[in-house]
C-alpha atoms as a PDB file:
ATOM      1  CA  MET A   1     156.456  98.012  82.675  1.00  0.00           C
ATOM      2  CA  GLU A   2     155.666  98.895  86.270  1.00  0.00           C
ATOM      3  CA  PHE A   3     151.908  98.427  85.814  1.00  0.00           C
ATOM      4  CA  LEU A   4     152.066  94.704  85.144  1.00  0.00           C
ATOM      5  CA  LYS A   5     151.189  92.025  87.676  1.00  0.00           C
ATOM      6  CA  GLU A   6     153.550  89.099  88.284  1.00  0.00           C
ATOM      7  CA  ASP A   7     151.564  87.003  85.798  1.00  0.00           C
ATOM      8  CA  GLY A   8     152.145  89.637  83.069  1.00  0.00           C
ATOM      9  CA  SER A   9     148.583  91.012  83.004  1.00  0.00           C
ATOM     10  CA  LEU A  10     147.832  94.700  83.461  1.00  0.00           C
ATOM     11  CA  ASP A  11     147.165  95.962  86.972  1.00  0.00           C
ATOM     12  CA  ILE A  12     143.853  97.625  86.065  1.00  0.00           C
ATOM     13  CA  THR A  13     143.093  98.779  89.614  1.00  0.00           C
ATOM     14  CA  ARG A  14     146.460 100.472  90.007  1.00  0.00           C
ATOM     15  CA  ILE A  15     146.200 102.215  86.633  1.00  0.00           C
ATOM     16  CA  SER A  16     142.621 103.348  87.304  1.00  0.00           C
ATOM     17  CA  ASN A  17     143.615 104.922  90.626  1.00  0.00           C
ATOM     18  CA  LEU A  18     146.372 107.107  89.170  1.00  0.00           C
ATOM     19  CA  PRO A  19     146.040 110.903  89.090  1.00  0.00           C
ATOM     20  CA  LEU A  20     144.532 112.014  85.772  1.00  0.00           C
ATOM     21  CA  GLU A  21     147.722 113.296  84.136  1.00  0.00           C
ATOM     22  CA  GLU A  22     149.712 110.191  85.056  1.00  0.00           C
ATOM     23  CA  PHE A  23     146.773 107.974  84.036  1.00  0.00           C
ATOM     24  CA  MET A  24     146.710 109.625  80.596  1.00  0.00           C
ATOM     25  CA  ASN A  25     150.468 109.101  80.190  1.00  0.00           C
ATOM     26  CA  VAL A  26     150.306 105.438  81.202  1.00  0.00           C
ATOM     27  CA  VAL A  27     147.274 104.659  79.035  1.00  0.00           C
ATOM     28  CA  GLY A  28     148.875 106.534  76.136  1.00  0.00           C
ATOM     29  CA  ASP A  29     151.951 104.309  76.398  1.00  0.00           C
ATOM     30  CA  LEU A  30     149.996 101.032  76.274  1.00  0.00           C
ATOM     31  CA  THR A  31     150.181  98.905  73.163  1.00  0.00           C
ATOM     32  CA  LYS A  32     146.971  98.451  71.203  1.00  0.00           C
ATOM     33  CA  GLU A  33     146.511  94.972  72.670  1.00  0.00           C
ATOM     34  CA  GLN A  34     147.126  96.221  76.230  1.00  0.00           C
ATOM     35  CA  TYR A  35     144.729  99.136  75.705  1.00  0.00           C
ATOM     36  CA  GLU A  36     141.967  96.858  74.415  1.00  0.00           C
ATOM     37  CA  ASP A  37     142.568  94.501  77.347  1.00  0.00           C
ATOM     38  CA  PHE A  38     142.414  97.465  79.741  1.00  0.00           C
ATOM     39  CA  LEU A  39     139.077  98.655  78.321  1.00  0.00           C
ATOM     40  CA  SER A  40     137.607  95.154  78.287  1.00  0.00           C
ATOM     41  CA  LYS A  41     138.211  94.736  82.015  1.00  0.00           C
ATOM     42  CA  LEU A  42     136.654  98.030  83.105  1.00  0.00           C
ATOM     43  CA  PRO A  43     133.041  98.099  84.276  1.00  0.00           C
ATOM     44  CA  ILE A  44     130.820  99.244  81.413  1.00  0.00           C
ATOM     45  CA  ASN A  45     130.120 102.640  82.963  1.00  0.00           C
ATOM     46  CA  GLU A  46     133.777 103.405  83.715  1.00  0.00           C
ATOM     47  CA  SER A  47     135.444 103.110  80.338  1.00  0.00           C
ATOM     48  CA  ASN A  48     136.047 106.863  80.058  1.00  0.00           C
ATOM     49  CA  GLU A  49     135.860 106.347  76.331  1.00  0.00           C
ATOM     50  CA  PRO A  50     133.881 108.571  74.025  1.00  0.00           C
ATOM     51  CA  MET A  51     131.167 106.957  71.968  1.00  0.00           C
ATOM     52  CA  GLN A  52     132.584 105.434  68.809  1.00  0.00           C
ATOM     53  CA  ALA A  53     130.766 105.313  65.503  1.00  0.00           C
ATOM     54  CA  VAL A  54     130.064 101.947  63.913  1.00  0.00           C
ATOM     55  CA  VAL A  55     130.621 102.111  60.167  1.00  0.00           C
ATOM     56  CA  VAL A  56     128.098 100.150  58.107  1.00  0.00           C
ATOM     57  CA  ASP A  57     127.501  99.759  54.393  1.00  0.00           C
ATOM     58  CA  TYR A  58     123.775 100.523  54.375  1.00  0.00           C
ATOM     59  CA  THR A  59     121.553 103.534  54.956  1.00  0.00           C
ATOM     60  CA  LEU A  60     119.119 104.108  57.810  1.00  0.00           C
ATOM     61  CA  GLU A  61     116.227 103.757  55.366  1.00  0.00           C
ATOM     62  CA  GLU A  62     117.494 100.342  54.237  1.00  0.00           C
ATOM     63  CA  ASP A  63     117.896  99.246  57.846  1.00  0.00           C
ATOM     64  CA  LEU A  64     114.385 100.409  58.742  1.00  0.00           C
ATOM     65  CA  ALA A  65     113.011  98.497  55.742  1.00  0.00           C
ATOM     66  CA  ARG A  66     114.584  95.339  57.205  1.00  0.00           C
ATOM     67  CA  GLY A  67     112.611  95.795  60.415  1.00  0.00           C
ATOM     68  CA  THR A  68     114.910  97.837  62.643  1.00  0.00           C
ATOM     69  CA  VAL A  69     113.118 100.229  64.959  1.00  0.00           C
ATOM     70  CA  ILE A  70     114.242 103.511  66.494  1.00  0.00           C
ATOM     71  CA  ALA A  71     114.201 103.538  70.297  1.00  0.00           C
ATOM     72  CA  ASP A  72     112.528 106.963  70.496  1.00  0.00           C
ATOM     73  CA  ASP A  73     109.657 105.710  68.331  1.00  0.00           C
ATOM     74  CA  VAL A  74     109.177 102.653  70.544  1.00  0.00           C
ATOM     75  CA  ILE A  75     109.171 104.776  73.706  1.00  0.00           C
ATOM     76  CA  ASN A  76     106.710 107.263  72.211  1.00  0.00           C
ATOM     77  CA  ASN A  77     104.383 104.497  71.007  1.00  0.00           C
ATOM     78  CA  ILE A  78     104.383 102.829  74.414  1.00  0.00           C
ATOM     79  CA  GLY A  79     103.633 106.181  76.036  1.00  0.00           C
ATOM     80  CA  LYS A  80     100.726 106.782  73.661  1.00  0.00           C
ATOM     81  CA  ARG A  81      99.374 103.291  74.130  1.00  0.00           C
ATOM     82  CA  TYR A  82      99.259 103.617  77.898  1.00  0.00           C
ATOM     83  CA  GLY A  83      98.137 107.251  77.987  1.00  0.00           C
ATOM     84  CA  LYS A  84     101.404 108.708  79.198  1.00  0.00           C
ATOM     85  CA  LYS A  85     101.672 111.198  76.323  1.00  0.00           C
END
């Protein structure tokens, strides 16, 4: 593969700088392991990946009963507490 370094690792910089169509072709041809390695080495805000759902075996109500909070509720409560809302 032409996008490997001499040590066998992916050349992330070279792949990331490809034109979009070529980038899509190269990334599409990566093995699952190479693709996961590619994503793990990108800065967090440059993954170009859509949000992925996390499948769990409990409901939101059950999670809330265990003490989980919703970020919007926390933000709203802080705003109310300090007179911002």
